[in-house]
C-alpha cells in the first residue's frame, strides 16, 4: 500500500528535525532559558491563519534537549508568494520580526521571523497550479548553529 501524501510529509519533516537534533546534540550548552512545548503551543495557537488556508491534521510537537517545536501543515488554493505576503503583513503587528528567507529555484521557499528567543518558520512543501501545501512552525533552539535559533534581542518578548 502506498503511503498517503500527509504520511510522506510527516516523514520528511520528522527526518529533517531528527537530523538537526543529531547534528546539534554536540553543540555546547548555551545556558539559555528553555521554552517548553506548552509555551510554544500557546504561541502557535495565537498565530493567524492565512485566508483561504486550511490545516492538515493536528499540530506536531517535538521536545528534545536542544529543540522544542510545534508545527502544522496547511493547504491553500493561493500561491506560496500570496501566503507569504499575508503572513508578512500580519505577523509584525503580533511582535514577530522578519529575520531571513531562503530561495530555491529562483523563488522564496521559506521565511523566518523571531520574537524574543522563539523563531517562526513558514516553508513551502509543494506547489502546483491547484495551490500550495506549506508548513508553519514555532521553535526554540539552544544552539546558534541551528536554523531555529533566535537571540532574545531579535524581537519583543
N, C-alpha and C. Protein backbone atom coordinates (compact mmCIF):
# COMPACT_ATOMS: atom_id res chain seq x y z
N UNK A 1 0.85 -1.18 0.00
CA UNK A 1 0.00 0.00 0.00
C UNK A 1 0.89 1.24 0.00
N UNK A 2 0.58 2.17 -0.85
CA UNK A 2 1.34 3.42 -0.97
C UNK A 2 0.97 4.36 0.18
N UNK A 3 2.00 4.95 0.87
CA UNK A 3 1.68 5.87 1.97
C UNK A 3 0.97 7.12 1.46
N UNK A 4 0.11 7.69 2.27
CA UNK A 4 -0.62 8.89 1.89
C UNK A 4 0.33 10.08 1.79
N UNK A 5 -0.14 11.12 1.13
CA UNK A 5 0.65 12.35 0.99
C UNK A 5 0.99 12.92 2.36
N UNK A 6 0.01 12.96 3.27
CA UNK A 6 0.24 13.50 4.62
C UNK A 6 1.28 12.67 5.36
N UNK A 7 1.25 11.34 5.18
CA UNK A 7 2.24 10.48 5.83
C UNK A 7 3.64 10.76 5.30
N UNK A 8 3.75 10.99 4.01
CA UNK A 8 5.07 11.30 3.43
C UNK A 8 5.57 12.64 3.92
N UNK A 9 4.69 13.63 4.03
CA UNK A 9 5.07 14.95 4.54
C UNK A 9 5.57 14.82 5.97
N UNK A 10 4.80 14.12 6.80
CA UNK A 10 5.19 13.92 8.20
C UNK A 10 6.56 13.26 8.27
N UNK A 11 6.81 12.24 7.45
CA UNK A 11 8.08 11.54 7.46
C UNK A 11 9.22 12.48 7.09
N UNK A 12 9.04 13.31 6.07
CA UNK A 12 10.08 14.25 5.65
C UNK A 12 10.39 15.23 6.77
N UNK A 13 9.36 15.80 7.39
CA UNK A 13 9.57 16.75 8.49
C UNK A 13 10.26 16.05 9.65
N UNK A 14 9.84 14.85 9.98
CA UNK A 14 10.42 14.10 11.09
C UNK A 14 11.90 13.82 10.82
N UNK A 15 12.24 13.40 9.61
CA UNK A 15 13.64 13.12 9.26
C UNK A 15 14.47 14.39 9.37
N UNK A 16 13.95 15.51 8.88
CA UNK A 16 14.71 16.77 8.97
C UNK A 16 14.94 17.19 10.41
N UNK A 17 13.91 17.12 11.23
CA UNK A 17 14.05 17.50 12.64
C UNK A 17 15.02 16.56 13.36
N UNK A 18 14.90 15.26 13.12
CA UNK A 18 15.80 14.30 13.77
C UNK A 18 17.25 14.51 13.32
N UNK A 19 17.44 14.82 12.05
CA UNK A 19 18.80 15.10 11.56
C UNK A 19 19.38 16.33 12.23
N UNK A 20 18.55 17.36 12.35
CA UNK A 20 19.02 18.58 13.01
C UNK A 20 19.35 18.30 14.47
N UNK A 21 18.50 17.52 15.15
CA UNK A 21 18.75 17.18 16.55
C UNK A 21 20.05 16.41 16.71
N UNK A 22 20.30 15.46 15.83
CA UNK A 22 21.54 14.70 15.90
C UNK A 22 22.74 15.61 15.68
N UNK A 23 22.64 16.50 14.72
CA UNK A 23 23.73 17.44 14.43
C UNK A 23 23.96 18.39 15.60
N UNK A 24 22.89 18.90 16.18
CA UNK A 24 23.03 19.90 17.24
C UNK A 24 23.32 19.30 18.61
N UNK A 25 23.24 17.99 18.74
CA UNK A 25 23.48 17.36 20.04
C UNK A 25 24.89 17.61 20.55
N UNK A 26 25.80 17.89 19.62
CA UNK A 26 27.19 18.10 20.01
C UNK A 26 27.52 19.57 20.26
N UNK A 27 26.53 20.43 20.10
CA UNK A 27 26.75 21.86 20.35
C UNK A 27 26.85 22.10 21.86
N UNK A 28 27.71 23.01 22.27
CA UNK A 28 27.82 23.29 23.69
C UNK A 28 26.53 23.93 24.21
N UNK A 29 26.21 23.66 25.47
CA UNK A 29 25.02 24.23 26.08
C UNK A 29 25.17 25.74 26.18
N UNK A 30 24.13 26.46 25.81
CA UNK A 30 24.20 27.92 25.80
C UNK A 30 23.74 28.53 27.11
N UNK A 31 23.10 27.74 27.97
CA UNK A 31 22.58 28.28 29.22
C UNK A 31 21.32 29.12 29.01
N UNK A 32 20.72 29.06 27.85
CA UNK A 32 19.51 29.83 27.55
C UNK A 32 18.32 29.26 28.31
N UNK A 33 17.36 30.13 28.60
CA UNK A 33 16.14 29.70 29.27
C UNK A 33 15.30 28.91 28.27
N UNK A 34 15.01 27.68 28.62
CA UNK A 34 14.26 26.79 27.74
C UNK A 34 12.80 27.23 27.63
N UNK A 35 12.27 27.14 26.43
CA UNK A 35 10.85 27.36 26.17
C UNK A 35 10.23 25.98 25.98
N UNK A 36 9.28 25.60 26.83
CA UNK A 36 8.72 24.25 26.74
C UNK A 36 7.60 24.18 25.69
N UNK A 37 7.17 22.95 25.42
CA UNK A 37 6.16 22.72 24.38
C UNK A 37 4.84 23.41 24.69
N UNK A 38 4.45 23.48 25.96
CA UNK A 38 3.20 24.15 26.32
C UNK A 38 3.23 25.63 25.98
N UNK A 39 4.36 26.28 26.28
CA UNK A 39 4.50 27.70 25.95
C UNK A 39 4.49 27.91 24.44
N UNK A 40 5.19 27.03 23.72
CA UNK A 40 5.21 27.17 22.25
C UNK A 40 3.84 26.89 21.65
N UNK A 41 3.14 25.91 22.19
CA UNK A 41 1.80 25.60 21.67
C UNK A 41 0.87 26.80 21.83
N UNK A 42 0.98 27.50 22.96
CA UNK A 42 0.17 28.71 23.17
C UNK A 42 0.51 29.76 22.11
N UNK A 43 1.81 29.96 21.86
CA UNK A 43 2.21 30.93 20.83
C UNK A 43 1.73 30.49 19.45
N UNK A 44 1.82 29.19 19.18
CA UNK A 44 1.38 28.67 17.88
C UNK A 44 -0.12 28.90 17.68
N UNK A 45 -0.91 28.65 18.72
CA UNK A 45 -2.36 28.81 18.61
C UNK A 45 -2.77 30.27 18.43
N UNK A 46 -1.90 31.21 18.78
CA UNK A 46 -2.20 32.63 18.61
C UNK A 46 -1.84 33.16 17.22
N UNK A 47 -1.18 32.33 16.41
CA UNK A 47 -0.80 32.77 15.07
C UNK A 47 -2.02 32.90 14.17
N UNK A 48 -2.02 33.91 13.31
CA UNK A 48 -3.13 34.00 12.34
C UNK A 48 -2.96 32.93 11.27
N UNK A 49 -4.06 32.46 10.74
CA UNK A 49 -4.01 31.56 9.58
C UNK A 49 -4.19 32.41 8.35
N UNK A 50 -3.45 32.10 7.31
CA UNK A 50 -3.61 32.83 6.06
C UNK A 50 -5.00 32.57 5.50
N UNK A 51 -5.71 33.63 5.07
CA UNK A 51 -7.04 33.43 4.49
C UNK A 51 -6.98 32.44 3.33
N UNK A 52 -7.98 31.58 3.27
CA UNK A 52 -8.03 30.59 2.20
C UNK A 52 -7.23 29.34 2.49
N UNK A 53 -6.60 29.26 3.66
CA UNK A 53 -5.81 28.09 4.04
C UNK A 53 -6.61 27.22 4.99
N UNK A 54 -6.33 25.92 4.96
CA UNK A 54 -6.94 25.03 5.93
C UNK A 54 -5.86 24.09 6.46
N UNK A 55 -5.96 23.76 7.76
CA UNK A 55 -4.93 22.89 8.36
C UNK A 55 -5.04 21.46 7.88
N UNK A 56 -3.91 20.79 7.84
CA UNK A 56 -3.84 19.36 7.53
C UNK A 56 -3.42 18.64 8.82
N UNK A 57 -4.34 17.94 9.43
CA UNK A 57 -4.01 17.20 10.65
C UNK A 57 -3.84 18.10 11.86
N UNK A 58 -3.31 17.52 12.91
CA UNK A 58 -3.10 18.21 14.17
C UNK A 58 -1.67 18.76 14.23
N UNK A 59 -1.43 19.75 15.10
CA UNK A 59 -0.05 20.24 15.27
C UNK A 59 0.85 19.11 15.77
N UNK A 60 2.11 19.15 15.30
CA UNK A 60 3.12 18.19 15.72
C UNK A 60 4.01 18.86 16.75
N UNK A 61 4.31 18.16 17.82
CA UNK A 61 5.15 18.69 18.89
C UNK A 61 6.41 17.85 18.97
N UNK A 62 7.56 18.52 18.99
CA UNK A 62 8.86 17.87 19.20
C UNK A 62 9.49 18.56 20.40
N UNK A 63 9.88 17.76 21.39
CA UNK A 63 10.53 18.33 22.56
C UNK A 63 11.75 17.47 22.89
N UNK A 64 12.92 18.01 22.58
CA UNK A 64 14.20 17.33 22.83
C UNK A 64 15.08 18.26 23.65
N UNK A 65 16.27 17.80 23.97
CA UNK A 65 17.14 18.60 24.84
C UNK A 65 17.55 19.93 24.20
N UNK A 66 17.76 19.96 22.90
CA UNK A 66 18.26 21.18 22.25
C UNK A 66 17.23 21.86 21.36
N UNK A 67 16.00 21.33 21.32
CA UNK A 67 15.00 21.88 20.42
C UNK A 67 13.60 21.58 20.95
N UNK A 68 12.74 22.58 20.89
CA UNK A 68 11.31 22.39 21.13
C UNK A 68 10.61 23.01 19.92
N UNK A 69 9.61 22.31 19.40
CA UNK A 69 8.98 22.77 18.17
C UNK A 69 7.51 22.37 18.14
N UNK A 70 6.67 23.26 17.63
CA UNK A 70 5.26 22.97 17.37
C UNK A 70 5.00 23.41 15.93
N UNK A 71 4.53 22.50 15.09
CA UNK A 71 4.32 22.85 13.68
C UNK A 71 3.08 22.14 13.14
N UNK A 72 2.62 22.66 12.02
CA UNK A 72 1.45 22.09 11.35
C UNK A 72 1.54 22.41 9.87
N UNK A 73 1.04 21.51 9.06
CA UNK A 73 0.97 21.73 7.61
C UNK A 73 -0.40 22.30 7.25
N UNK A 74 -0.40 23.10 6.20
CA UNK A 74 -1.62 23.73 5.70
C UNK A 74 -1.68 23.57 4.19
N UNK A 75 -2.88 23.68 3.64
CA UNK A 75 -3.06 23.70 2.20
C UNK A 75 -3.87 24.96 1.86
N UNK A 76 -3.49 25.58 0.74
CA UNK A 76 -4.16 26.80 0.29
C UNK A 76 -4.32 26.75 -1.22
N UNK A 77 -5.38 27.35 -1.70
CA UNK A 77 -5.56 27.46 -3.15
C UNK A 77 -4.71 28.60 -3.72
N UNK A 78 -4.13 29.42 -2.83
CA UNK A 78 -3.28 30.53 -3.26
C UNK A 78 -1.85 30.06 -3.53
N UNK A 79 -1.09 30.90 -4.22
CA UNK A 79 0.32 30.63 -4.44
C UNK A 79 1.08 30.82 -3.12
N UNK A 80 2.28 30.25 -3.03
CA UNK A 80 3.07 30.41 -1.82
C UNK A 80 3.45 31.87 -1.62
N UNK A 81 3.71 32.59 -2.70
CA UNK A 81 4.03 34.01 -2.60
C UNK A 81 2.88 34.79 -1.95
N UNK A 82 1.65 34.45 -2.31
CA UNK A 82 0.49 35.11 -1.72
C UNK A 82 0.34 34.76 -0.23
N UNK A 83 0.58 33.49 0.10
CA UNK A 83 0.53 33.06 1.50
C UNK A 83 1.58 33.82 2.31
N UNK A 84 2.82 33.88 1.78
CA UNK A 84 3.89 34.60 2.48
C UNK A 84 3.54 36.07 2.66
N UNK A 85 2.98 36.67 1.64
CA UNK A 85 2.61 38.08 1.71
C UNK A 85 1.60 38.32 2.83
N UNK A 86 0.65 37.40 2.97
CA UNK A 86 -0.36 37.53 4.02
C UNK A 86 0.29 37.46 5.40
N UNK A 87 1.22 36.51 5.58
CA UNK A 87 1.91 36.40 6.88
C UNK A 87 2.82 37.61 7.12
N UNK A 88 3.53 38.05 6.08
CA UNK A 88 4.44 39.18 6.25
C UNK A 88 3.70 40.46 6.61
N UNK A 89 2.44 40.56 6.23
CA UNK A 89 1.69 41.77 6.57
C UNK A 89 1.04 41.68 7.95
N UNK A 90 0.79 40.47 8.48
CA UNK A 90 0.11 40.34 9.77
C UNK A 90 1.02 40.04 10.95
N UNK A 91 2.12 39.35 10.74
CA UNK A 91 2.96 38.93 11.87
C UNK A 91 3.65 40.08 12.61
N UNK A 92 4.14 41.13 11.93
CA UNK A 92 4.79 42.21 12.68
C UNK A 92 3.88 42.86 13.74
N UNK A 93 2.60 42.92 13.49
CA UNK A 93 1.68 43.51 14.47
C UNK A 93 1.61 42.67 15.74
N UNK A 94 1.96 41.38 15.64
CA UNK A 94 1.97 40.49 16.81
C UNK A 94 3.37 40.40 17.43
N UNK A 95 4.29 41.26 16.99
CA UNK A 95 5.61 41.30 17.59
C UNK A 95 6.67 40.44 16.91
N UNK A 96 6.33 39.80 15.80
CA UNK A 96 7.31 38.97 15.08
C UNK A 96 8.16 39.86 14.18
N UNK A 97 9.48 39.66 14.23
CA UNK A 97 10.43 40.45 13.47
C UNK A 97 11.02 39.58 12.36
N UNK A 98 10.90 40.04 11.12
CA UNK A 98 11.45 39.30 9.98
C UNK A 98 12.96 39.15 10.14
N UNK A 99 13.47 37.93 9.89
CA UNK A 99 14.90 37.67 10.01
C UNK A 99 15.55 37.31 8.68
N UNK A 100 14.96 36.36 7.95
CA UNK A 100 15.63 35.87 6.75
C UNK A 100 14.66 35.10 5.86
N UNK A 101 15.13 34.84 4.66
CA UNK A 101 14.38 33.98 3.75
C UNK A 101 15.38 33.10 3.00
N UNK A 102 14.86 32.02 2.46
CA UNK A 102 15.67 31.11 1.65
C UNK A 102 14.96 30.93 0.32
N UNK A 103 15.75 30.75 -0.71
CA UNK A 103 15.19 30.59 -2.04
C UNK A 103 15.61 29.25 -2.63
N UNK A 104 14.75 28.72 -3.48
CA UNK A 104 15.04 27.51 -4.23
C UNK A 104 14.42 27.69 -5.61
N UNK A 105 15.20 27.44 -6.63
CA UNK A 105 14.68 27.58 -7.99
C UNK A 105 14.27 28.99 -8.33
N UNK A 106 14.91 29.98 -7.71
CA UNK A 106 14.62 31.37 -8.01
C UNK A 106 13.44 31.96 -7.27
N UNK A 107 12.76 31.16 -6.45
CA UNK A 107 11.60 31.66 -5.69
C UNK A 107 11.83 31.42 -4.21
N UNK A 108 11.20 32.23 -3.39
CA UNK A 108 11.31 32.06 -1.94
C UNK A 108 10.71 30.72 -1.53
N UNK A 109 11.47 29.95 -0.74
CA UNK A 109 10.98 28.65 -0.29
C UNK A 109 10.66 28.65 1.20
N UNK A 110 11.21 29.61 1.96
CA UNK A 110 10.87 29.70 3.38
C UNK A 110 11.25 31.08 3.91
N UNK A 111 10.58 31.47 5.01
CA UNK A 111 10.93 32.70 5.69
C UNK A 111 11.00 32.42 7.19
N UNK A 112 11.75 33.26 7.88
CA UNK A 112 11.93 33.10 9.33
C UNK A 112 11.69 34.43 10.02
N UNK A 113 10.92 34.38 11.10
CA UNK A 113 10.68 35.52 11.97
C UNK A 113 11.17 35.15 13.36
N UNK A 114 11.48 36.15 14.18
CA UNK A 114 11.84 35.92 15.58
C UNK A 114 10.99 36.81 16.48
N UNK A 115 10.73 36.30 17.65
CA UNK A 115 10.11 37.08 18.72
C UNK A 115 10.76 36.56 20.00
N UNK A 116 11.59 37.43 20.60
CA UNK A 116 12.42 37.02 21.74
C UNK A 116 13.27 35.83 21.31
N UNK A 117 13.26 34.73 22.03
CA UNK A 117 14.12 33.59 21.68
C UNK A 117 13.37 32.52 20.90
N UNK A 118 12.20 32.84 20.37
CA UNK A 118 11.39 31.89 19.61
C UNK A 118 11.42 32.27 18.13
N UNK A 119 11.60 31.26 17.29
CA UNK A 119 11.54 31.51 15.85
C UNK A 119 10.24 30.97 15.28
N UNK A 120 9.83 31.57 14.18
CA UNK A 120 8.64 31.15 13.45
C UNK A 120 9.08 30.94 12.01
N UNK A 121 8.83 29.77 11.47
CA UNK A 121 9.21 29.50 10.08
C UNK A 121 7.96 29.14 9.28
N UNK A 122 7.98 29.56 8.03
CA UNK A 122 6.92 29.23 7.09
C UNK A 122 7.64 28.73 5.84
N UNK A 123 7.38 27.49 5.45
CA UNK A 123 8.10 26.91 4.32
C UNK A 123 7.19 26.16 3.38
N UNK A 124 7.48 26.26 2.10
CA UNK A 124 6.70 25.56 1.08
C UNK A 124 7.07 24.08 1.10
N UNK A 125 6.06 23.24 0.97
CA UNK A 125 6.28 21.80 0.86
C UNK A 125 6.07 21.38 -0.59
N UNK A 126 4.97 21.86 -1.17
CA UNK A 126 4.65 21.54 -2.56
C UNK A 126 3.79 22.64 -3.13
N UNK A 127 4.03 22.97 -4.39
CA UNK A 127 3.24 24.00 -5.04
C UNK A 127 2.98 23.57 -6.48
N UNK A 128 1.74 23.70 -6.89
CA UNK A 128 1.38 23.44 -8.29
C UNK A 128 0.25 24.38 -8.68
N UNK A 129 -0.35 24.15 -9.84
CA UNK A 129 -1.40 25.06 -10.31
C UNK A 129 -2.64 25.07 -9.42
N UNK A 130 -2.85 24.00 -8.66
CA UNK A 130 -4.05 23.95 -7.81
C UNK A 130 -3.84 24.62 -6.46
N UNK A 131 -2.60 24.97 -6.11
CA UNK A 131 -2.36 25.64 -4.85
C UNK A 131 -1.05 25.25 -4.20
N UNK A 132 -1.01 25.42 -2.87
CA UNK A 132 0.22 25.27 -2.12
C UNK A 132 -0.01 24.46 -0.85
N UNK A 133 0.92 23.58 -0.56
CA UNK A 133 0.98 22.93 0.75
C UNK A 133 2.20 23.52 1.43
N UNK A 134 2.01 24.00 2.65
CA UNK A 134 3.11 24.66 3.36
C UNK A 134 3.08 24.31 4.83
N UNK A 135 4.19 24.56 5.52
CA UNK A 135 4.31 24.27 6.95
C UNK A 135 4.54 25.56 7.70
N UNK A 136 3.94 25.66 8.89
CA UNK A 136 4.16 26.78 9.80
C UNK A 136 4.60 26.18 11.13
N UNK A 137 5.66 26.72 11.70
CA UNK A 137 6.12 26.19 12.98
C UNK A 137 6.73 27.27 13.86
N UNK A 138 6.59 27.09 15.16
CA UNK A 138 7.30 27.92 16.12
C UNK A 138 8.29 27.01 16.83
N UNK A 139 9.50 27.54 17.08
CA UNK A 139 10.59 26.71 17.54
C UNK A 139 11.45 27.45 18.57
N UNK A 140 12.02 26.71 19.47
CA UNK A 140 13.06 27.21 20.36
C UNK A 140 14.25 26.28 20.17
N UNK A 141 15.40 26.87 19.83
CA UNK A 141 16.61 26.08 19.66
C UNK A 141 17.71 26.59 20.58
N UNK A 142 18.45 25.66 21.17
CA UNK A 142 19.51 26.04 22.10
C UNK A 142 20.77 26.50 21.38
N UNK A 143 21.08 25.89 20.26
CA UNK A 143 22.35 26.15 19.59
C UNK A 143 22.24 27.23 18.52
N UNK A 144 23.16 28.22 18.53
CA UNK A 144 23.13 29.23 17.46
C UNK A 144 23.48 28.64 16.10
N UNK A 145 24.01 27.42 16.07
CA UNK A 145 24.31 26.78 14.78
C UNK A 145 23.06 26.20 14.13
N UNK A 146 21.96 26.11 14.88
CA UNK A 146 20.74 25.56 14.33
C UNK A 146 19.91 26.64 13.66
N UNK A 147 19.13 26.26 12.67
CA UNK A 147 18.31 27.22 11.94
C UNK A 147 17.15 27.79 12.72
N UNK A 148 16.84 27.23 13.89
CA UNK A 148 15.70 27.68 14.67
C UNK A 148 16.09 28.65 15.78
N UNK A 149 17.34 29.04 15.86
CA UNK A 149 17.85 29.86 16.96
C UNK A 149 17.49 31.32 16.76
N UNK A 150 17.02 31.96 17.81
CA UNK A 150 16.82 33.41 17.82
C UNK A 150 17.37 33.95 19.13
N UNK A 151 18.03 35.08 19.06
CA UNK A 151 18.50 35.75 20.26
C UNK A 151 17.32 36.45 20.93
N UNK A 152 17.32 36.55 22.25
CA UNK A 152 16.23 37.29 22.92
C UNK A 152 16.08 38.70 22.42
N UNK A 153 17.13 39.29 21.88
CA UNK A 153 17.06 40.67 21.36
C UNK A 153 16.51 40.74 19.95
N UNK A 154 16.15 39.58 19.34
CA UNK A 154 15.67 39.54 17.96
C UNK A 154 14.20 39.94 17.82
N UNK A 155 13.58 40.42 18.86
CA UNK A 155 12.19 40.84 18.79
C UNK A 155 11.65 41.01 20.19
N UNK A 156 10.49 41.61 20.32
CA UNK A 156 9.93 41.83 21.65
C UNK A 156 9.57 40.51 22.33
N UNK A 157 9.59 40.51 23.64
CA UNK A 157 9.27 39.30 24.41
C UNK A 157 7.79 39.04 24.40
